[in-house]
Amino acid sequence: MGKGLGWILFAWFMLLIAGVMNVIDGIAALGDRQFFKTHEAVTLGSNLHAWGWIVLIWGVLQIAASVSIWRAAAFGRWFGIMAAGVNIFIQMLFLPSYPVFALSIMVIDVLVIYGLAVYGEKDVAA
């Protein structure tokens, strides 16, 4: 097993989980207004439908980034770094409502960026 393979697998798996969770949140925001009723400040005002589409599309992009990392595409490294970086800013919107969860996701995103930046371009199979 090559040096850094664990970091690459960690980045792949964490982006996949984040993408699936964002897809679920987007579908919940589109389908049921009661799900986010207590935390509407997070949804950039009262337009929960638009926020649901944004989060849903972002989740699909994160899943695409994880697939690209899994396939060891050179583009996947940069796409994964960008996806984790943008997700840090998205989680900042959730800080007032879910501070512990948002901070833990932000830490994981920083670790994903580290793993992809340091070990992403190396041949981890060697």
Protein backbone atom coordinates (compact mmCIF):
# COMPACT_ATOMS: atom_id res chain seq x y z
CA MET A 1 0.00 0.00 0.00
CA GLY A 2 1.43 3.34 -1.06
CA LYS A 3 2.10 6.27 1.21
CA GLY A 4 -0.91 8.56 1.30
CA LEU A 5 -3.47 6.02 0.11
CA GLY A 6 -5.31 6.35 3.44
CA TRP A 7 -5.65 10.11 2.97
CA ILE A 8 -6.99 9.67 -0.56
CA LEU A 9 -9.53 7.07 0.60
CA PHE A 10 -10.50 9.35 3.50
CA ALA A 11 -11.05 12.27 1.12
CA TRP A 12 -13.09 10.10 -1.25
CA PHE A 13 -15.30 8.72 1.50
CA MET A 14 -15.87 12.02 3.31
CA LEU A 15 -16.82 13.82 0.08
CA LEU A 16 -19.18 10.98 -0.77
CA ILE A 17 -20.86 11.18 2.65
CA ALA A 18 -21.09 15.00 2.49
CA GLY A 19 -22.62 14.80 -0.96
CA VAL A 20 -25.22 12.23 0.08
CA MET A 21 -26.13 14.27 3.17
CA ASN A 22 -26.52 17.44 1.09
CA VAL A 23 -28.72 15.60 -1.40
CA ILE A 24 -30.91 14.39 1.48
CA ASP A 25 -31.07 17.91 2.95
CA GLY A 26 -31.96 19.36 -0.45
CA ILE A 27 -34.75 16.86 -0.99
CA ALA A 28 -36.04 17.51 2.54
CA ALA A 29 -36.04 21.27 1.92
CA LEU A 30 -37.91 20.82 -1.36
CA GLY A 31 -40.46 18.41 0.02
CA ASP A 32 -41.33 19.40 3.56
CA ARG A 33 -41.26 22.91 4.98
CA GLN A 34 -41.75 21.56 8.51
CA PHE A 35 -38.35 19.82 8.46
CA PHE A 36 -36.45 23.13 8.57
CA LYS A 37 -39.17 25.15 10.35
CA THR A 38 -37.14 25.89 13.49
CA HIS A 39 -34.01 26.94 11.62
CA GLU A 40 -35.25 29.10 8.76
CA ALA A 41 -32.51 31.66 9.36
CA VAL A 42 -30.11 29.17 7.81
CA THR A 43 -32.04 29.11 4.55
CA LEU A 44 -31.04 32.61 3.43
CA GLY A 45 -34.39 34.13 4.22
CA SER A 46 -37.72 32.53 3.58
CA ASN A 47 -37.00 31.00 0.17
CA LEU A 48 -36.55 27.42 1.34
CA HIS A 49 -37.36 26.04 -2.12
CA ALA A 50 -34.42 27.84 -3.75
CA TRP A 51 -32.11 26.82 -0.91
CA GLY A 52 -33.23 23.20 -1.37
CA TRP A 53 -32.26 23.26 -5.05
CA ILE A 54 -28.88 24.85 -4.26
CA VAL A 55 -28.04 22.23 -1.64
CA LEU A 56 -29.32 19.39 -3.84
CA ILE A 57 -27.18 20.47 -6.81
CA TRP A 58 -24.18 21.02 -4.54
CA GLY A 59 -24.59 17.51 -3.14
CA VAL A 60 -24.61 16.02 -6.64
CA LEU A 61 -21.40 17.95 -7.43
CA GLN A 62 -19.77 16.61 -4.27
CA ILE A 63 -20.70 13.06 -5.25
CA ALA A 64 -19.19 13.70 -8.70
CA ALA A 65 -15.99 14.94 -7.01
CA SER A 66 -15.78 11.78 -4.92
CA VAL A 67 -16.27 9.59 -8.00
CA SER A 68 -13.53 11.54 -9.77
CA ILE A 69 -11.18 10.96 -6.81
CA TRP A 70 -12.07 7.26 -6.77
CA ARG A 71 -11.20 6.96 -10.45
CA ALA A 72 -7.82 8.65 -9.73
CA ALA A 73 -8.43 11.35 -12.32
CA ALA A 74 -6.05 14.31 -12.17
CA PHE A 75 -9.06 16.60 -12.35
CA GLY A 76 -10.52 14.85 -9.29
CA ARG A 77 -7.86 16.21 -6.98
CA TRP A 78 -8.61 19.84 -7.81
CA PHE A 79 -12.34 19.26 -7.99
CA GLY A 80 -12.25 17.61 -4.55
CA ILE A 81 -10.22 20.46 -3.05
CA MET A 82 -12.69 22.98 -4.49
CA ALA A 83 -15.69 20.99 -3.26
CA ALA A 84 -14.33 20.74 0.28
CA GLY A 85 -13.34 24.41 0.30
CA VAL A 86 -16.76 25.62 -0.79
CA ASN A 87 -18.40 23.28 1.71
CA ILE A 88 -16.50 25.06 4.50
CA PHE A 89 -18.23 28.30 3.56
CA ILE A 90 -21.60 26.58 3.26
CA GLN A 91 -21.17 25.15 6.76
CA MET A 92 -20.56 28.67 8.07
CA LEU A 93 -24.22 29.38 7.28
CA PHE A 94 -25.18 26.53 9.61
CA LEU A 95 -23.05 27.75 12.55
CA PRO A 96 -25.86 29.67 14.32
CA SER A 97 -28.20 26.67 14.25
CA TYR A 98 -25.91 23.65 14.45
CA PRO A 99 -22.53 24.87 15.82
CA VAL A 100 -20.97 21.53 16.85
CA PHE A 101 -22.06 19.72 13.68
CA ALA A 102 -20.95 22.58 11.41
CA LEU A 103 -17.55 22.88 13.09
CA SER A 104 -16.94 19.14 12.90
CA ILE A 105 -17.78 19.12 9.18
CA MET A 106 -15.47 22.09 8.66
CA VAL A 107 -12.61 20.20 10.36
CA ILE A 108 -13.25 17.17 8.15
CA ASP A 109 -13.25 19.43 5.07
CA VAL A 110 -9.86 20.85 6.10
CA LEU A 111 -8.51 17.30 6.47
CA VAL A 112 -9.89 16.40 3.02
CA ILE A 113 -8.13 19.44 1.53
CA TYR A 114 -4.90 18.44 3.29
CA GLY A 115 -5.07 14.86 2.06
CA LEU A 116 -5.76 15.84 -1.53
CA ALA A 117 -3.24 18.68 -1.59
CA VAL A 118 -0.37 16.68 -0.10
CA TYR A 119 -0.99 13.20 -1.50
CA GLY A 120 -3.38 13.80 -4.39
CA GLU A 121 -0.88 14.03 -7.22
CA LYS A 122 1.47 11.30 -6.07
CA ASP A 123 1.22 7.77 -7.39
CA VAL A 124 -0.26 6.18 -4.27
CA ALA A 125 -0.13 2.70 -5.79
CA ALA A 126 3.69 2.68 -5.74
